[in-house]
């Protein structure tokens, strides 16, 4: 690798690092070292959970998602009913044209 290639590669690595640090900062993480520390903390926490705990949590999440989908459908039905009533009342309020 020639000196110019090495310089370009180094500049690109520095640019990528700067962008990474900028994006981490937007998420409340000071630097890459803190990111690594948080990752290691997450690994330790996940290792402390049993498979049964994770499975139970996934089942509860699935149940909650199912309930939310049901509620969304009910809200949609209520919205359609509301629109039908609004149209019906608008027709009643309109004066009859002869």
Foldseek 3Di string as FASTA:
>chain_A
DDPVVVVVVVVVVVVVLVVVCVVVVVVVQRHVVSVVVVVVVVVVVVVPDDPVVVVVVVVVVVVVVVVVVVVVVVVVVVVVVVVVVVVVVVVVPDDDDD
